[in-house]
Amino acid sequence: MFCRIYTPFHPEVGDSAGKTVKDTVLNALIVLAVVVVMTTILVLLYKYKFYKVCVCVCVQILRC
């Protein structure tokens, strides 16, 4: 279910190769952006000593 949130573009029957490649690249960029943003948030929380928030975020991520 959550996979569709991070990868909104899915191939359909009859799509051209160009559209499939474009959708794949866009999905990869979205996933990469999510990873970068989450990592940045966790690093900033750690830097400013919000340890309890860091633990809560990590626990929520691992529950999925």
PDB file of N, CA and C in Angstrom:
ATOM      1  N   MET A   1       0.816  -1.196   0.000  1.00  0.00           N
ATOM      2  CA  MET A   1       0.000   0.000   0.000  1.00  0.00           C
ATOM      3  C   MET A   1       0.861   1.263   0.000  1.00  0.00           C
ATOM      4  N   PHE A   2       1.844   1.325   0.921  1.00  0.00           N
ATOM      5  CA  PHE A   2       2.686   2.512   0.999  1.00  0.00           C
ATOM      6  C   PHE A   2       3.596   2.643  -0.210  1.00  0.00           C
ATOM      7  N   CYS A   3       3.832   1.543  -0.892  1.00  0.00           N
ATOM      8  CA  CYS A   3       4.675   1.586  -2.079  1.00  0.00           C
ATOM      9  C   CYS A   3       4.076   2.504  -3.137  1.00  0.00           C
ATOM     10  N   ARG A   4       2.791   2.548  -3.232  1.00  0.00           N
ATOM     11  CA  ARG A   4       2.132   3.402  -4.227  1.00  0.00           C
ATOM     12  C   ARG A   4       2.274   4.880  -3.893  1.00  0.00           C
ATOM     13  N   ILE A   5       2.497   5.206  -2.616  1.00  0.00           N
ATOM     14  CA  ILE A   5       2.697   6.601  -2.242  1.00  0.00           C
ATOM     15  C   ILE A   5       4.030   7.098  -2.773  1.00  0.00           C
ATOM     16  N   TYR A   6       5.067   6.268  -2.621  1.00  0.00           N
ATOM     17  CA  TYR A   6       6.408   6.678  -3.027  1.00  0.00           C
ATOM     18  C   TYR A   6       6.674   6.466  -4.504  1.00  0.00           C
ATOM     19  N   THR A   7       5.914   5.604  -5.142  1.00  0.00           N
ATOM     20  CA  THR A   7       6.096   5.358  -6.572  1.00  0.00           C
ATOM     21  C   THR A   7       4.748   5.488  -7.280  1.00  0.00           C
ATOM     22  N   PRO A   8       4.347   6.707  -7.571  1.00  0.00           N
ATOM     23  CA  PRO A   8       3.014   6.912  -8.148  1.00  0.00           C
ATOM     24  C   PRO A   8       2.890   6.519  -9.623  1.00  0.00           C
ATOM     25  N   PHE A   9       4.002   6.345 -10.303  1.00  0.00           N
ATOM     26  CA  PHE A   9       3.955   6.040 -11.731  1.00  0.00           C
ATOM     27  C   PHE A   9       4.152   4.547 -11.942  1.00  0.00           C
ATOM     28  N   HIS A  10       3.171   3.903 -12.543  1.00  0.00           N
ATOM     29  CA  HIS A  10       3.231   2.464 -12.792  1.00  0.00           C
ATOM     30  C   HIS A  10       2.989   2.216 -14.275  1.00  0.00           C
ATOM     31  N   PRO A  11       3.734   1.249 -14.846  1.00  0.00           N
ATOM     32  CA  PRO A  11       3.555   0.961 -16.270  1.00  0.00           C
ATOM     33  C   PRO A  11       2.194   0.353 -16.558  1.00  0.00           C
ATOM     34  N   GLU A  12       1.675   0.684 -17.707  1.00  0.00           N
ATOM     35  CA  GLU A  12       0.405   0.119 -18.156  1.00  0.00           C
ATOM     36  C   GLU A  12       0.635  -0.575 -19.492  1.00  0.00           C
ATOM     37  N   VAL A  13      -0.267  -1.457 -19.814  1.00  0.00           N
ATOM     38  CA  VAL A  13      -0.154  -2.175 -21.074  1.00  0.00           C
ATOM     39  C   VAL A  13      -0.282  -1.178 -22.220  1.00  0.00           C
ATOM     40  N   GLY A  14       0.640  -1.252 -23.146  1.00  0.00           N
ATOM     41  CA  GLY A  14       0.587  -0.383 -24.306  1.00  0.00           C
ATOM     42  C   GLY A  14       1.403   0.897 -24.169  1.00  0.00           C
ATOM     43  N   ASP A  15       2.060   1.104 -23.020  1.00  0.00           N
ATOM     44  CA  ASP A  15       2.907   2.286 -22.865  1.00  0.00           C
ATOM     45  C   ASP A  15       4.144   2.157 -23.745  1.00  0.00           C
ATOM     46  N   SER A  16       4.590   3.274 -24.259  1.00  0.00           N
ATOM     47  CA  SER A  16       5.801   3.257 -25.076  1.00  0.00           C
ATOM     48  C   SER A  16       7.017   3.104 -24.167  1.00  0.00           C
ATOM     49  N   ALA A  17       8.139   2.752 -24.769  1.00  0.00           N
ATOM     50  CA  ALA A  17       9.374   2.569 -24.004  1.00  0.00           C
ATOM     51  C   ALA A  17       9.808   3.886 -23.377  1.00  0.00           C
ATOM     52  N   GLY A  18       9.624   4.975 -24.094  1.00  0.00           N
ATOM     53  CA  GLY A  18      10.006   6.285 -23.567  1.00  0.00           C
ATOM     54  C   GLY A  18       9.213   6.658 -22.323  1.00  0.00           C
ATOM     55  N   LYS A  19       7.914   6.381 -22.337  1.00  0.00           N
ATOM     56  CA  LYS A  19       7.068   6.696 -21.177  1.00  0.00           C
ATOM     57  C   LYS A  19       7.438   5.816 -19.993  1.00  0.00           C
ATOM     58  N   THR A  20       7.741   4.559 -20.258  1.00  0.00           N
ATOM     59  CA  THR A  20       8.141   3.649 -19.182  1.00  0.00           C
ATOM     60  C   THR A  20       9.453   4.107 -18.546  1.00  0.00           C
ATOM     61  N   VAL A  21      10.414   4.506 -19.370  1.00  0.00           N
ATOM     62  CA  VAL A  21      11.697   5.001 -18.850  1.00  0.00           C
ATOM     63  C   VAL A  21      11.486   6.275 -18.056  1.00  0.00           C
ATOM     64  N   LYS A  22      10.654   7.184 -18.567  1.00  0.00           N
ATOM     65  CA  LYS A  22      10.383   8.436 -17.852  1.00  0.00           C
ATOM     66  C   LYS A  22       9.740   8.156 -16.504  1.00  0.00           C
ATOM     67  N   ASP A  23       8.756   7.262 -16.474  1.00  0.00           N
ATOM     68  CA  ASP A  23       8.086   6.918 -15.222  1.00  0.00           C
ATOM     69  C   ASP A  23       9.056   6.273 -14.226  1.00  0.00           C
ATOM     70  N   THR A  24       9.942   5.429 -14.730  1.00  0.00           N
ATOM     71  CA  THR A  24      10.926   4.780 -13.867  1.00  0.00           C
ATOM     72  C   THR A  24      11.887   5.790 -13.260  1.00  0.00           C
ATOM     73  N   VAL A  25      12.347   6.727 -14.068  1.00  0.00           N
ATOM     74  CA  VAL A  25      13.264   7.764 -13.577  1.00  0.00           C
ATOM     75  C   VAL A  25      12.559   8.648 -12.546  1.00  0.00           C
ATOM     76  N   LEU A  26      11.321   9.018 -12.810  1.00  0.00           N
ATOM     77  CA  LEU A  26      10.575   9.838 -11.852  1.00  0.00           C
ATOM     78  C   LEU A  26      10.359   9.093 -10.534  1.00  0.00           C
ATOM     79  N   ASN A  27      10.022   7.811 -10.597  1.00  0.00           N
ATOM     80  CA  ASN A  27       9.871   7.019  -9.378  1.00  0.00           C
ATOM     81  C   ASN A  27      11.175   6.966  -8.591  1.00  0.00           C
ATOM     82  N   ALA A  28      12.283   6.769  -9.293  1.00  0.00           N
ATOM     83  CA  ALA A  28      13.587   6.713  -8.623  1.00  0.00           C
ATOM     84  C   ALA A  28      13.913   8.044  -7.957  1.00  0.00           C
ATOM     85  N   LEU A  29      13.621   9.154  -8.632  1.00  0.00           N
ATOM     86  CA  LEU A  29      13.889  10.473  -8.049  1.00  0.00           C
ATOM     87  C   LEU A  29      13.019  10.731  -6.817  1.00  0.00           C
ATOM     88  N   ILE A  30      11.787  10.282  -6.853  1.00  0.00           N
ATOM     89  CA  ILE A  30      10.897  10.461  -5.697  1.00  0.00           C
ATOM     90  C   ILE A  30      11.418   9.666  -4.504  1.00  0.00           C
ATOM     91  N   VAL A  31      11.787   8.415  -4.722  1.00  0.00           N
ATOM     92  CA  VAL A  31      12.307   7.595  -3.631  1.00  0.00           C
ATOM     93  C   VAL A  31      13.602   8.191  -3.089  1.00  0.00           C
ATOM     94  N   LEU A  32      14.475   8.627  -3.967  1.00  0.00           N
ATOM     95  CA  LEU A  32      15.726   9.256  -3.554  1.00  0.00           C
ATOM     96  C   LEU A  32      15.470  10.518  -2.739  1.00  0.00           C
ATOM     97  N   ALA A  33      14.514  11.329  -3.160  1.00  0.00           N
ATOM     98  CA  ALA A  33      14.179  12.549  -2.424  1.00  0.00           C
ATOM     99  C   ALA A  33      13.647  12.225  -1.030  1.00  0.00           C
ATOM    100  N   VAL A  34      12.824  11.191  -0.921  1.00  0.00           N
ATOM    101  CA  VAL A  34      12.296  10.793   0.391  1.00  0.00           C
ATOM    102  C   VAL A  34      13.432  10.358   1.307  1.00  0.00           C
ATOM    103  N   VAL A  35      14.359   9.582   0.791  1.00  0.00           N
ATOM    104  CA  VAL A  35      15.505   9.130   1.590  1.00  0.00           C
ATOM    105  C   VAL A  35      16.353  10.311   2.035  1.00  0.00           C
ATOM    106  N   VAL A  36      16.639  11.236   1.129  1.00  0.00           N
ATOM    107  CA  VAL A  36      17.459  12.400   1.462  1.00  0.00           C
ATOM    108  C   VAL A  36      16.773  13.276   2.510  1.00  0.00           C
ATOM    109  N   VAL A  37      15.489  13.528   2.344  1.00  0.00           N
ATOM    110  CA  VAL A  37      14.758  14.377   3.293  1.00  0.00           C
ATOM    111  C   VAL A  37      14.694  13.721   4.667  1.00  0.00           C
ATOM    112  N   MET A  38      14.384  12.433   4.725  1.00  0.00           N
ATOM    113  CA  MET A  38      14.308  11.751   6.017  1.00  0.00           C
ATOM    114  C   MET A  38      15.664  11.705   6.704  1.00  0.00           C
ATOM    115  N   THR A  39      16.720  11.471   5.948  1.00  0.00           N
ATOM    116  CA  THR A  39      18.065  11.450   6.525  1.00  0.00           C
ATOM    117  C   THR A  39      18.441  12.821   7.056  1.00  0.00           C
ATOM    118  N   THR A  40      18.139  13.861   6.301  1.00  0.00           N
ATOM    119  CA  THR A  40      18.442  15.225   6.739  1.00  0.00           C
ATOM    120  C   THR A  40      17.694  15.557   8.027  1.00  0.00           C
ATOM    121  N   ILE A  41      16.444  15.186   8.089  1.00  0.00           N
ATOM    122  CA  ILE A  41      15.654  15.451   9.294  1.00  0.00           C
ATOM    123  C   ILE A  41      16.260  14.727  10.496  1.00  0.00           C
ATOM    124  N   LEU A  42      16.613  13.463  10.326  1.00  0.00           N
ATOM    125  CA  LEU A  42      17.185  12.712  11.438  1.00  0.00           C
ATOM    126  C   LEU A  42      18.533  13.285  11.873  1.00  0.00           C
ATOM    127  N   VAL A  43      19.355  13.696  10.927  1.00  0.00           N
ATOM    128  CA  VAL A  43      20.654  14.290  11.269  1.00  0.00           C
ATOM    129  C   VAL A  43      20.459  15.603  12.013  1.00  0.00           C
ATOM    130  N   LEU A  44      19.540  16.439  11.563  1.00  0.00           N
ATOM    131  CA  LEU A  44      19.282  17.709  12.246  1.00  0.00           C
ATOM    132  C   LEU A  44      18.718  17.482  13.647  1.00  0.00           C
ATOM    133  N   LEU A  45      17.820  16.515  13.787  1.00  0.00           N
ATOM    134  CA  LEU A  45      17.301  16.199  15.112  1.00  0.00           C
ATOM    135  C   LEU A  45      18.420  15.735  16.041  1.00  0.00           C
ATOM    136  N   TYR A  46      19.328  14.927  15.523  1.00  0.00           N
ATOM    137  CA  TYR A  46      20.445  14.444  16.332  1.00  0.00           C
ATOM    138  C   TYR A  46      21.395  15.590  16.671  1.00  0.00           C
ATOM    139  N   LYS A  47      21.658  16.445  15.704  1.00  0.00           N
ATOM    140  CA  LYS A  47      22.582  17.571  15.918  1.00  0.00           C
ATOM    141  C   LYS A  47      22.078  18.494  17.022  1.00  0.00           C
ATOM    142  N   TYR A  48      20.789  18.749  17.043  1.00  0.00           N
ATOM    143  CA  TYR A  48      20.225  19.654  18.039  1.00  0.00           C
ATOM    144  C   TYR A  48      19.698  18.919  19.271  1.00  0.00           C
ATOM    145  N   LYS A  49      20.131  17.664  19.422  1.00  0.00           N
ATOM    146  CA  LYS A  49      19.896  16.854  20.619  1.00  0.00           C
ATOM    147  C   LYS A  49      18.427  16.577  20.931  1.00  0.00           C
ATOM    148  N   PHE A  50      17.661  16.340  19.895  1.00  0.00           N
ATOM    149  CA  PHE A  50      16.273  15.901  20.060  1.00  0.00           C
ATOM    150  C   PHE A  50      16.252  14.375  19.973  1.00  0.00           C
ATOM    151  N   TYR A  51      16.912  13.738  20.935  1.00  0.00           N
ATOM    152  CA  TYR A  51      17.101  12.294  20.889  1.00  0.00           C
ATOM    153  C   TYR A  51      15.784  11.526  20.980  1.00  0.00           C
ATOM    154  N   LYS A  52      14.882  11.995  21.810  1.00  0.00           N
ATOM    155  CA  LYS A  52      13.605  11.287  21.965  1.00  0.00           C
ATOM    156  C   LYS A  52      12.808  11.309  20.664  1.00  0.00           C
ATOM    157  N   VAL A  53      12.857  12.427  19.968  1.00  0.00           N
ATOM    158  CA  VAL A  53      12.158  12.511  18.681  1.00  0.00           C
ATOM    159  C   VAL A  53      12.816  11.584  17.672  1.00  0.00           C
ATOM    160  N   CYS A  54      14.151  11.531  17.689  1.00  0.00           N
ATOM    161  CA  CYS A  54      14.870  10.634  16.781  1.00  0.00           C
ATOM    162  C   CYS A  54      14.439   9.191  16.997  1.00  0.00           C
ATOM    163  N   VAL A  55      14.355   8.790  18.253  1.00  0.00           N
ATOM    164  CA  VAL A  55      13.967   7.417  18.564  1.00  0.00           C
ATOM    165  C   VAL A  55      12.534   7.162  18.109  1.00  0.00           C
ATOM    166  N   CYS A  56      11.642   8.105  18.354  1.00  0.00           N
ATOM    167  CA  CYS A  56      10.243   7.937  17.940  1.00  0.00           C
ATOM    168  C   CYS A  56      10.120   7.817  16.425  1.00  0.00           C
ATOM    169  N   VAL A  57      10.853   8.639  15.698  1.00  0.00           N
ATOM    170  CA  VAL A  57      10.817   8.590  14.233  1.00  0.00           C
ATOM    171  C   VAL A  57      11.348   7.245  13.753  1.00  0.00           C
ATOM    172  N   CYS A  58      12.457   6.798  14.324  1.00  0.00           N
ATOM    173  CA  CYS A  58      13.037   5.515  13.909  1.00  0.00           C
ATOM    174  C   CYS A  58      12.086   4.359  14.206  1.00  0.00           C
ATOM    175  N   VAL A  59      11.447   4.386  15.355  1.00  0.00           N
ATOM    176  CA  VAL A  59      10.498   3.331  15.704  1.00  0.00           C
ATOM    177  C   VAL A  59       9.322   3.315  14.720  1.00  0.00           C
ATOM    178  N   GLN A  60       8.823   4.500  14.368  1.00  0.00           N
ATOM    179  CA  GLN A  60       7.709   4.568  13.419  1.00  0.00           C
ATOM    180  C   GLN A  60       8.124   4.050  12.045  1.00  0.00           C
ATOM    181  N   ILE A  61       9.345   4.350  11.636  1.00  0.00           N
ATOM    182  CA  ILE A  61       9.830   3.877  10.328  1.00  0.00           C
ATOM    183  C   ILE A  61       9.955   2.359  10.347  1.00  0.00           C
ATOM    184  N   LEU A  62      10.475   1.801  11.435  1.00  0.00           N
ATOM    185  CA  LEU A  62      10.680   0.365  11.498  1.00  0.00           C
ATOM    186  C   LEU A  62       9.380  -0.421  11.638  1.00  0.00           C
ATOM    187  N   ARG A  63       8.324   0.207  12.111  1.00  0.00           N
ATOM    188  CA  ARG A  63       7.021  -0.467  12.231  1.00  0.00           C
ATOM    189  C   ARG A  63       6.421  -0.797  10.873  1.00  0.00           C
ATOM    190  N   CYS A  64       6.706   0.016   9.870  1.00  0.00           N
ATOM    191  CA  CYS A  64       6.109  -0.181   8.544  1.00  0.00           C
ATOM    192  C   CYS A  64       6.570  -1.414   7.895  1.00  0.00           C
TER     193      CYS A  64
END
